[in-house]
Amino acid sequence: MNLERCYDVIVGPVITEKSTLASENNQVMFKVALTSTKGEIKEAVERLFEVKVKAVNTLVRKGKVKGFRGRTGRLSDIKRAVVTLEEGHTIDVTTGL
């Protein structure tokens, strides 16, 4: 996988209260492309952050229908990846690449 594809797979970090608690268990959450697979996510994280990945879990949050000023609209689907790192490896998501 080339470097451009790695940047297309990993959209950005997810910084929430839940992801902060998961970081204590050596896990990092990323927003990823809807078409990406677990293997692509693993390879992209290993190449971009130079760490060793132990496991990748993914989840897709379906978009909701919401109203805004009397008009209904639909929020887009979002795919997240929970990446578990090997012992001794860390990623600081507050710094940029």
C-alpha atoms as a PDB file:
ATOM      1  CA  MET A   1       0.000   0.000   0.000  1.00  0.00           C
ATOM      2  CA  ASN A   2       1.415   3.365  -0.967  1.00  0.00           C
ATOM      3  CA  LEU A   3       1.518   6.335   1.396  1.00  0.00           C
ATOM      4  CA  GLU A   4      -1.324   8.195  -0.338  1.00  0.00           C
ATOM      5  CA  ARG A   5      -3.686   5.251   0.178  1.00  0.00           C
ATOM      6  CA  CYS A   6      -2.702   5.172   3.882  1.00  0.00           C
ATOM      7  CA  TYR A   7      -3.847   8.776   4.235  1.00  0.00           C
ATOM      8  CA  ASP A   8      -7.099   7.918   2.410  1.00  0.00           C
ATOM      9  CA  VAL A   9      -7.826   4.995   4.761  1.00  0.00           C
ATOM     10  CA  ILE A  10      -7.187   6.887   8.031  1.00  0.00           C
ATOM     11  CA  VAL A  11      -9.443   9.964   8.006  1.00  0.00           C
ATOM     12  CA  GLY A  12      -8.608  11.224  11.495  1.00  0.00           C
ATOM     13  CA  PRO A  13      -8.442  10.420  15.195  1.00  0.00           C
ATOM     14  CA  VAL A  14     -11.544  10.168  17.369  1.00  0.00           C
ATOM     15  CA  ILE A  15     -11.090  12.166  20.558  1.00  0.00           C
ATOM     16  CA  THR A  16     -13.968  11.447  22.926  1.00  0.00           C
ATOM     17  CA  GLU A  17     -14.300  10.478  26.550  1.00  0.00           C
ATOM     18  CA  LYS A  18     -14.671   6.831  25.570  1.00  0.00           C
ATOM     19  CA  SER A  19     -11.565   6.870  23.365  1.00  0.00           C
ATOM     20  CA  THR A  20      -9.574   8.525  26.145  1.00  0.00           C
ATOM     21  CA  LEU A  21     -10.537   5.723  28.533  1.00  0.00           C
ATOM     22  CA  ALA A  22      -9.602   3.147  25.880  1.00  0.00           C
ATOM     23  CA  SER A  23      -6.134   4.683  25.558  1.00  0.00           C
ATOM     24  CA  GLU A  24      -5.356   3.344  29.041  1.00  0.00           C
ATOM     25  CA  ASN A  25      -5.740  -0.175  27.582  1.00  0.00           C
ATOM     26  CA  ASN A  26      -3.309   0.578  24.733  1.00  0.00           C
ATOM     27  CA  GLN A  27      -6.128   1.263  22.239  1.00  0.00           C
ATOM     28  CA  VAL A  28      -6.561   4.150  19.802  1.00  0.00           C
ATOM     29  CA  MET A  29      -9.723   5.096  17.882  1.00  0.00           C
ATOM     30  CA  PHE A  30      -9.670   6.398  14.312  1.00  0.00           C
ATOM     31  CA  LYS A  31     -12.313   7.553  11.872  1.00  0.00           C
ATOM     32  CA  VAL A  32     -11.693   5.522   8.703  1.00  0.00           C
ATOM     33  CA  ALA A  33     -13.056   5.323   5.156  1.00  0.00           C
ATOM     34  CA  LEU A  34     -16.259   3.299   4.748  1.00  0.00           C
ATOM     35  CA  THR A  35     -14.646   1.074   2.106  1.00  0.00           C
ATOM     36  CA  SER A  36     -11.528   0.196   4.125  1.00  0.00           C
ATOM     37  CA  THR A  37     -10.920  -3.298   5.484  1.00  0.00           C
ATOM     38  CA  LYS A  38      -9.308  -4.367   8.752  1.00  0.00           C
ATOM     39  CA  GLY A  39      -6.135  -5.407   6.913  1.00  0.00           C
ATOM     40  CA  GLU A  40      -5.840  -2.031   5.197  1.00  0.00           C
ATOM     41  CA  ILE A  41      -6.412  -0.215   8.498  1.00  0.00           C
ATOM     42  CA  LYS A  42      -3.735  -2.291  10.218  1.00  0.00           C
ATOM     43  CA  GLU A  43      -1.203  -1.685   7.440  1.00  0.00           C
ATOM     44  CA  ALA A  44      -1.976   2.054   7.292  1.00  0.00           C
ATOM     45  CA  VAL A  45      -1.542   2.546  11.055  1.00  0.00           C
ATOM     46  CA  GLU A  46       1.695   0.562  11.088  1.00  0.00           C
ATOM     47  CA  ARG A  47       3.141   2.572   8.170  1.00  0.00           C
ATOM     48  CA  LEU A  48       2.005   6.030   9.287  1.00  0.00           C
ATOM     49  CA  PHE A  49       2.802   5.784  13.005  1.00  0.00           C
ATOM     50  CA  GLU A  50       5.597   3.154  12.915  1.00  0.00           C
ATOM     51  CA  VAL A  51       3.982   0.964  15.596  1.00  0.00           C
ATOM     52  CA  LYS A  52       3.007  -2.710  15.826  1.00  0.00           C
ATOM     53  CA  VAL A  53      -0.755  -3.410  15.734  1.00  0.00           C
ATOM     54  CA  LYS A  54      -2.158  -6.327  17.703  1.00  0.00           C
ATOM     55  CA  ALA A  55      -5.838  -6.188  16.626  1.00  0.00           C
ATOM     56  CA  VAL A  56      -8.345  -4.033  14.740  1.00  0.00           C
ATOM     57  CA  ASN A  57     -12.063  -3.837  15.561  1.00  0.00           C
ATOM     58  CA  THR A  58     -14.410  -1.805  13.364  1.00  0.00           C
ATOM     59  CA  LEU A  59     -17.899  -0.411  13.772  1.00  0.00           C
ATOM     60  CA  VAL A  60     -20.213   1.459  11.424  1.00  0.00           C
ATOM     61  CA  ARG A  61     -22.575   4.045  12.864  1.00  0.00           C
ATOM     62  CA  LYS A  62     -25.531   4.462  10.554  1.00  0.00           C
ATOM     63  CA  GLY A  63     -26.539   8.047   9.787  1.00  0.00           C
ATOM     64  CA  LYS A  64     -29.646   9.443  11.455  1.00  0.00           C
ATOM     65  CA  VAL A  65     -32.523  11.385   9.945  1.00  0.00           C
ATOM     66  CA  LYS A  66     -32.644  14.806  11.603  1.00  0.00           C
ATOM     67  CA  GLY A  67     -34.762  17.877  11.144  1.00  0.00           C
ATOM     68  CA  PHE A  68     -33.402  21.365  10.689  1.00  0.00           C
ATOM     69  CA  ARG A  69     -35.742  24.356  10.283  1.00  0.00           C
ATOM     70  CA  GLY A  70     -38.612  22.212   9.108  1.00  0.00           C
ATOM     71  CA  ARG A  71     -36.572  20.257   6.561  1.00  0.00           C
ATOM     72  CA  THR A  72     -35.442  16.709   7.066  1.00  0.00           C
ATOM     73  CA  GLY A  73     -31.915  15.710   6.289  1.00  0.00           C
ATOM     74  CA  ARG A  74     -29.757  12.649   6.716  1.00  0.00           C
ATOM     75  CA  LEU A  75     -26.415  12.493   8.495  1.00  0.00           C
ATOM     76  CA  SER A  76     -23.788  10.380   6.747  1.00  0.00           C
ATOM     77  CA  ASP A  77     -22.593   6.962   7.912  1.00  0.00           C
ATOM     78  CA  ILE A  78     -19.341   6.897   9.879  1.00  0.00           C
ATOM     79  CA  LYS A  79     -16.900   4.001  10.225  1.00  0.00           C
ATOM     80  CA  ARG A  80     -14.597   3.844  13.237  1.00  0.00           C
ATOM     81  CA  ALA A  81     -11.702   1.544  13.998  1.00  0.00           C
ATOM     82  CA  VAL A  82     -10.494   0.614  17.465  1.00  0.00           C
ATOM     83  CA  VAL A  83      -6.819  -0.291  17.056  1.00  0.00           C
ATOM     84  CA  THR A  84      -5.147  -2.280  19.825  1.00  0.00           C
ATOM     85  CA  LEU A  85      -1.380  -1.799  19.936  1.00  0.00           C
ATOM     86  CA  GLU A  86       1.295  -4.236  21.066  1.00  0.00           C
ATOM     87  CA  GLU A  87       2.869  -3.687  24.487  1.00  0.00           C
ATOM     88  CA  GLY A  88       5.443  -0.908  24.497  1.00  0.00           C
ATOM     89  CA  HIS A  89       3.987   0.930  21.475  1.00  0.00           C
ATOM     90  CA  THR A  90       2.028   4.183  21.815  1.00  0.00           C
ATOM     91  CA  ILE A  91       0.445   6.776  19.529  1.00  0.00           C
ATOM     92  CA  ASP A  92       0.011  10.390  20.609  1.00  0.00           C
ATOM     93  CA  VAL A  93      -3.072  11.512  18.643  1.00  0.00           C
ATOM     94  CA  THR A  94      -2.801  15.118  19.843  1.00  0.00           C
ATOM     95  CA  THR A  95       0.227  15.722  17.616  1.00  0.00           C
ATOM     96  CA  GLY A  96      -0.017  15.861  13.844  1.00  0.00           C
ATOM     97  CA  LEU A  97       1.766  13.714  11.307  1.00  0.00           C
END
